[in-house]
Amino acid sequence: MLAPEQQLRWRLREISKDWPRYGFRRAWALLQQEGWKVNRKRVQRIWREEGLRVPAYAPKRRRVGESTVPAQRLRAERPNHVWALDFLFDATSDGRPLKVLTMCDEFTRESIGRRLGRSITADDVVAVLDEAIRQRGAPTFIRCDNGPELVAAAIKDWCRFAGTGTLYIEPGSPWQNPFVESFNGKARDELFAREIFDSVFEARVLYDDWCDVYNRLRPHSSLGYMPPAVFAAALINPEPLLRVDH
């Protein structure tokens, strides 16, 4: 059995471990509550001898998502292999914010999901993903940054149930999500930098129209100047594409 002095030292180490922001005064108060007969100066002396000082605050750390594989090393090899997600920000004419969810298939470059509103939550992102799955099936991976909407438990649960892996880019590294960044640049240049929106409804309609034109009509340079939806259809049935070439 430990001697009383050793028992006291052991107990103070346990208090420091359980309550790392407590100093010797609070440790002494806890001992009093537990029935220890010890004065504060003795607790202070042992506290110092044991090196049980309150540590300095460590810098706050942002919560980050865990990738299934390193995000920067995986490239899409087929449709539905990787879906990329990101956000755009704008405002209506009264200065109130607009938030825009963008989502594309990295292989076909198609816009496969969208949402525009004053705010977008993790549950909103899940709803967009669910709608895309109903139309296209589940992706092998989703690629996104570490925004709070994208590392939330709702997204992790969705990925687990869908059997989808995660590719979280490193904080502050948008170049690791190049395909959706390219899509965002086109949306800014061709729509959001050119239009003044007086309401969320107006912005939503114009954004939906632009995405439809982007998919069906807009020539895409990296796809041999085919629109993304035409390129995706040619992967399924290449014969019409061959007749066009001849």
Protein backbone atom coordinates (compact mmCIF):
# COMPACT_ATOMS: atom_id res chain seq x y z
CA MET A 1 0.00 0.00 0.00
CA LEU A 2 1.28 3.47 -0.87
CA ALA A 3 2.38 5.86 1.85
CA PRO A 4 0.10 8.88 2.43
CA GLU A 5 2.56 11.21 0.67
CA GLN A 6 2.70 8.90 -2.37
CA GLN A 7 -1.08 8.58 -2.42
CA LEU A 8 -1.40 12.37 -2.42
CA ARG A 9 1.08 12.73 -5.29
CA TRP A 10 -0.71 10.02 -7.26
CA ARG A 11 -4.06 11.73 -6.72
CA LEU A 12 -2.71 15.12 -7.82
CA ARG A 13 -1.32 13.58 -11.00
CA GLU A 14 -4.73 12.04 -11.71
CA ILE A 15 -6.46 15.40 -11.16
CA SER A 16 -4.01 17.09 -13.53
CA LYS A 17 -4.64 14.41 -16.15
CA ASP A 18 -8.43 14.54 -15.85
CA TRP A 19 -8.64 18.33 -15.58
CA PRO A 20 -5.65 19.74 -17.52
CA ARG A 21 -6.87 23.34 -17.21
CA TYR A 22 -7.02 23.20 -13.40
CA GLY A 23 -4.29 24.78 -11.27
CA PHE A 24 -3.21 23.73 -7.77
CA ARG A 25 -5.95 25.81 -6.07
CA ARG A 26 -8.76 23.92 -7.80
CA ALA A 27 -6.89 20.67 -7.24
CA TRP A 28 -6.74 21.48 -3.53
CA ALA A 29 -10.50 22.28 -3.55
CA LEU A 30 -11.22 18.90 -5.15
CA LEU A 31 -9.13 17.17 -2.49
CA GLN A 32 -11.13 18.94 0.22
CA GLN A 33 -14.35 17.68 -1.37
CA GLU A 34 -12.93 14.15 -1.35
CA GLY A 35 -12.09 14.36 2.35
CA TRP A 36 -8.35 14.86 2.21
CA LYS A 37 -6.86 16.67 5.24
CA VAL A 38 -4.16 18.70 3.54
CA ASN A 39 -3.43 22.43 3.45
CA ARG A 40 -3.14 24.48 0.29
CA LYS A 41 0.59 25.27 0.64
CA ARG A 42 1.45 21.57 0.75
CA VAL A 43 -0.61 20.96 -2.37
CA GLN A 44 1.14 23.88 -4.06
CA ARG A 45 4.60 22.49 -3.19
CA ILE A 46 3.83 18.98 -4.45
CA TRP A 47 2.09 20.37 -7.52
CA ARG A 48 5.28 22.21 -8.49
CA GLU A 49 7.55 19.29 -7.62
CA GLU A 50 5.49 17.03 -9.88
CA GLY A 51 5.65 19.58 -12.71
CA LEU A 52 1.87 19.82 -12.87
CA ARG A 53 1.59 23.27 -14.37
CA VAL A 54 -1.37 24.34 -16.47
CA PRO A 55 -0.17 24.00 -20.09
CA ALA A 56 -0.37 26.90 -22.50
CA TYR A 57 -3.25 26.76 -24.94
CA ALA A 58 -2.40 25.02 -28.17
CA PRO A 59 -3.54 26.77 -31.36
CA LYS A 60 -7.07 25.87 -32.33
CA ARG A 61 -7.32 23.21 -34.98
CA ARG A 62 -9.98 23.05 -37.64
CA ARG A 63 -11.82 19.77 -37.97
CA VAL A 64 -10.79 18.05 -41.18
CA GLY A 65 -12.20 15.08 -43.03
CA GLU A 66 -10.39 11.79 -43.47
CA SER A 67 -9.72 10.67 -47.03
CA THR A 68 -10.13 7.06 -48.11
CA VAL A 69 -7.06 7.49 -50.35
CA PRO A 70 -4.80 10.55 -50.86
CA ALA A 71 -6.98 13.02 -52.75
CA GLN A 72 -4.24 14.45 -54.94
CA ARG A 73 -3.21 11.03 -56.29
CA LEU A 74 -6.52 9.79 -57.67
CA ARG A 75 -7.92 10.87 -61.03
CA ALA A 76 -11.27 9.91 -62.49
CA GLU A 77 -11.06 7.06 -64.99
CA ARG A 78 -14.73 6.64 -65.91
CA PRO A 79 -18.15 8.25 -65.35
CA ASN A 80 -19.31 8.13 -61.73
CA HIS A 81 -15.76 7.41 -60.54
CA VAL A 82 -15.28 10.78 -58.81
CA TRP A 83 -17.82 13.51 -58.08
CA ALA A 84 -16.35 16.86 -57.06
CA LEU A 85 -18.18 19.32 -54.78
CA ASP A 86 -17.55 22.96 -53.91
CA PHE A 87 -19.30 26.24 -53.09
CA LEU A 88 -19.62 29.62 -54.79
CA PHE A 89 -20.67 32.82 -53.06
CA ASP A 90 -22.50 35.85 -54.40
CA ALA A 91 -25.18 38.28 -53.23
CA THR A 92 -28.55 39.64 -54.29
CA SER A 93 -28.95 43.33 -55.14
CA ASP A 94 -29.85 44.15 -51.53
CA GLY A 95 -26.47 42.86 -50.34
CA ARG A 96 -27.77 39.69 -48.73
CA PRO A 97 -25.60 36.61 -49.32
CA LEU A 98 -26.12 33.79 -51.78
CA LYS A 99 -24.46 30.41 -51.42
CA VAL A 100 -24.18 28.05 -54.37
CA LEU A 101 -23.40 24.33 -54.28
CA THR A 102 -21.61 23.09 -57.39
CA MET A 103 -21.09 19.41 -58.17
CA CYS A 104 -19.61 17.81 -61.27
CA ASP A 105 -18.55 14.42 -62.58
CA GLU A 106 -14.78 14.72 -63.00
CA PHE A 107 -14.64 12.37 -66.00
CA THR A 108 -17.54 13.72 -68.10
CA ARG A 109 -17.35 17.29 -66.65
CA GLU A 110 -21.16 17.30 -66.34
CA SER A 111 -22.92 19.40 -63.73
CA ILE A 112 -24.72 16.66 -61.83
CA GLY A 113 -26.13 18.49 -58.81
CA ARG A 114 -26.81 22.04 -57.70
CA ARG A 115 -28.37 24.07 -54.92
CA LEU A 116 -28.64 27.84 -54.43
CA GLY A 117 -29.95 29.64 -51.37
CA ARG A 118 -29.15 32.03 -48.56
CA SER A 119 -27.44 29.15 -46.76
CA ILE A 120 -26.69 25.51 -47.48
CA THR A 121 -26.41 22.93 -44.70
CA ALA A 122 -24.95 19.43 -44.63
CA ASP A 123 -28.51 18.07 -44.91
CA ASP A 124 -29.00 20.15 -48.09
CA VAL A 125 -25.82 18.64 -49.54
CA VAL A 126 -27.08 15.15 -48.70
CA ALA A 127 -30.37 15.90 -50.47
CA VAL A 128 -28.50 16.93 -53.63
CA LEU A 129 -26.33 13.81 -53.46
CA ASP A 130 -29.42 11.62 -53.01
CA GLU A 131 -31.05 13.15 -56.09
CA ALA A 132 -27.89 12.59 -58.14
CA ILE A 133 -27.73 8.96 -57.04
CA ARG A 134 -31.33 8.38 -58.10
CA GLN A 135 -30.46 9.61 -61.59
CA ARG A 136 -26.93 8.24 -62.02
CA GLY A 137 -26.11 5.67 -59.33
CA ALA A 138 -23.58 6.10 -56.56
CA PRO A 139 -20.05 7.41 -57.22
CA THR A 140 -16.93 5.57 -56.15
CA PHE A 141 -15.54 8.72 -54.49
CA ILE A 142 -16.51 12.29 -53.74
CA ARG A 143 -13.82 14.98 -53.72
CA CYS A 144 -14.28 18.15 -51.66
CA ASP A 145 -12.63 20.54 -49.24
CA ASN A 146 -12.91 20.60 -45.46
CA GLY A 147 -15.80 23.04 -45.19
CA PRO A 148 -18.09 22.37 -42.22
CA GLU A 149 -20.96 21.28 -44.48
CA LEU A 150 -18.71 18.65 -46.09
CA VAL A 151 -17.05 17.11 -43.03
CA ALA A 152 -20.27 16.91 -41.02
CA ALA A 153 -21.57 13.61 -39.66
CA ALA A 154 -24.44 13.69 -42.18
CA ILE A 155 -21.98 13.52 -45.10
CA LYS A 156 -19.92 10.77 -43.45
CA ASP A 157 -23.08 8.74 -42.85
CA TRP A 158 -24.19 9.25 -46.45
CA CYS A 159 -20.83 8.04 -47.77
CA ARG A 160 -20.94 4.98 -45.51
CA PHE A 161 -24.45 3.99 -46.59
CA ALA A 162 -23.73 4.67 -50.27
CA GLY A 163 -20.42 2.79 -50.21
CA THR A 164 -18.64 5.94 -51.43
CA GLY A 165 -15.08 6.86 -50.50
CA THR A 166 -13.94 10.37 -49.59
CA LEU A 167 -11.17 12.48 -51.12
CA TYR A 168 -10.68 15.53 -48.89
CA ILE A 169 -8.23 18.06 -50.29
CA GLU A 170 -5.70 19.69 -47.98
CA PRO A 171 -6.87 22.93 -46.33
CA GLY A 172 -6.08 25.95 -48.48
CA SER A 173 -5.30 23.83 -51.57
CA PRO A 174 -8.10 24.44 -54.11
CA TRP A 175 -5.80 23.27 -56.94
CA GLN A 176 -6.30 19.73 -55.60
CA ASN A 177 -9.94 20.00 -56.74
CA PRO A 178 -9.27 21.31 -60.27
CA PHE A 179 -12.34 20.13 -62.17
CA VAL A 180 -14.96 21.74 -59.97
CA GLU A 181 -12.73 24.82 -59.66
CA SER A 182 -12.74 25.04 -63.47
CA PHE A 183 -16.53 24.69 -63.46
CA ASN A 184 -16.78 27.44 -60.82
CA GLY A 185 -14.57 29.74 -62.87
CA LYS A 186 -16.84 29.37 -65.89
CA ALA A 187 -19.96 29.93 -63.75
CA ARG A 188 -18.45 33.12 -62.29
CA ASP A 189 -17.29 34.43 -65.65
CA GLU A 190 -20.42 33.65 -67.63
CA LEU A 191 -23.17 34.12 -65.04
CA PHE A 192 -22.43 35.43 -61.55
CA ALA A 193 -20.09 38.23 -62.66
CA ARG A 194 -22.56 39.37 -65.33
CA GLU A 195 -25.99 39.21 -63.68
CA ILE A 196 -27.62 41.22 -60.89
CA PHE A 197 -30.05 39.09 -58.90
CA ASP A 198 -32.97 40.74 -57.14
CA SER A 199 -34.11 37.56 -55.38
CA VAL A 200 -33.06 34.04 -54.53
CA PHE A 201 -35.70 32.73 -56.92
CA GLU A 202 -34.29 34.74 -59.84
CA ALA A 203 -30.74 33.57 -59.07
CA ARG A 204 -31.91 29.96 -58.80
CA VAL A 205 -33.70 30.04 -62.16
CA LEU A 206 -30.77 31.65 -63.98
CA TYR A 207 -28.27 29.26 -62.38
CA ASP A 208 -30.37 26.23 -63.36
CA ASP A 209 -30.65 27.55 -66.93
CA TRP A 210 -26.90 28.16 -67.14
CA CYS A 211 -26.12 24.64 -65.88
CA ASP A 212 -28.47 23.12 -68.46
CA VAL A 213 -26.80 25.09 -71.27
CA TYR A 214 -23.36 24.13 -69.89
CA ASN A 215 -24.28 20.43 -69.98
CA ARG A 216 -26.13 20.23 -73.28
CA LEU A 217 -24.82 23.01 -75.52
CA ARG A 218 -21.61 24.65 -74.33
CA PRO A 219 -18.52 23.21 -76.12
CA HIS A 220 -15.91 22.03 -73.61
CA SER A 221 -12.29 22.37 -74.74
CA SER A 222 -11.00 19.35 -72.77
CA LEU A 223 -13.68 17.13 -74.35
CA GLY A 224 -12.78 17.87 -77.98
CA TYR A 225 -15.26 20.77 -77.86
CA MET A 226 -18.20 18.50 -77.22
CA PRO A 227 -20.73 19.53 -74.56
CA PRO A 228 -20.39 17.36 -71.43
CA ALA A 229 -23.76 15.63 -71.84
CA VAL A 230 -22.96 14.80 -75.49
CA PHE A 231 -19.58 13.40 -74.45
CA ALA A 232 -21.23 11.29 -71.72
CA ALA A 233 -23.81 9.95 -74.18
CA ALA A 234 -21.07 9.07 -76.68
CA LEU A 235 -19.39 6.89 -74.06
CA ILE A 236 -22.57 4.79 -73.88
CA ASN A 237 -23.36 4.79 -77.60
CA PRO A 238 -20.38 5.87 -79.74
CA GLU A 239 -22.04 5.24 -83.12
CA PRO A 240 -23.67 8.70 -83.51
CA LEU A 241 -20.33 10.29 -82.71
CA LEU A 242 -18.61 8.22 -85.41
CA ARG A 243 -21.18 9.28 -88.01
CA VAL A 244 -20.63 12.92 -87.11
CA ASP A 245 -16.86 12.53 -87.57
CA HIS A 246 -17.38 11.16 -91.11
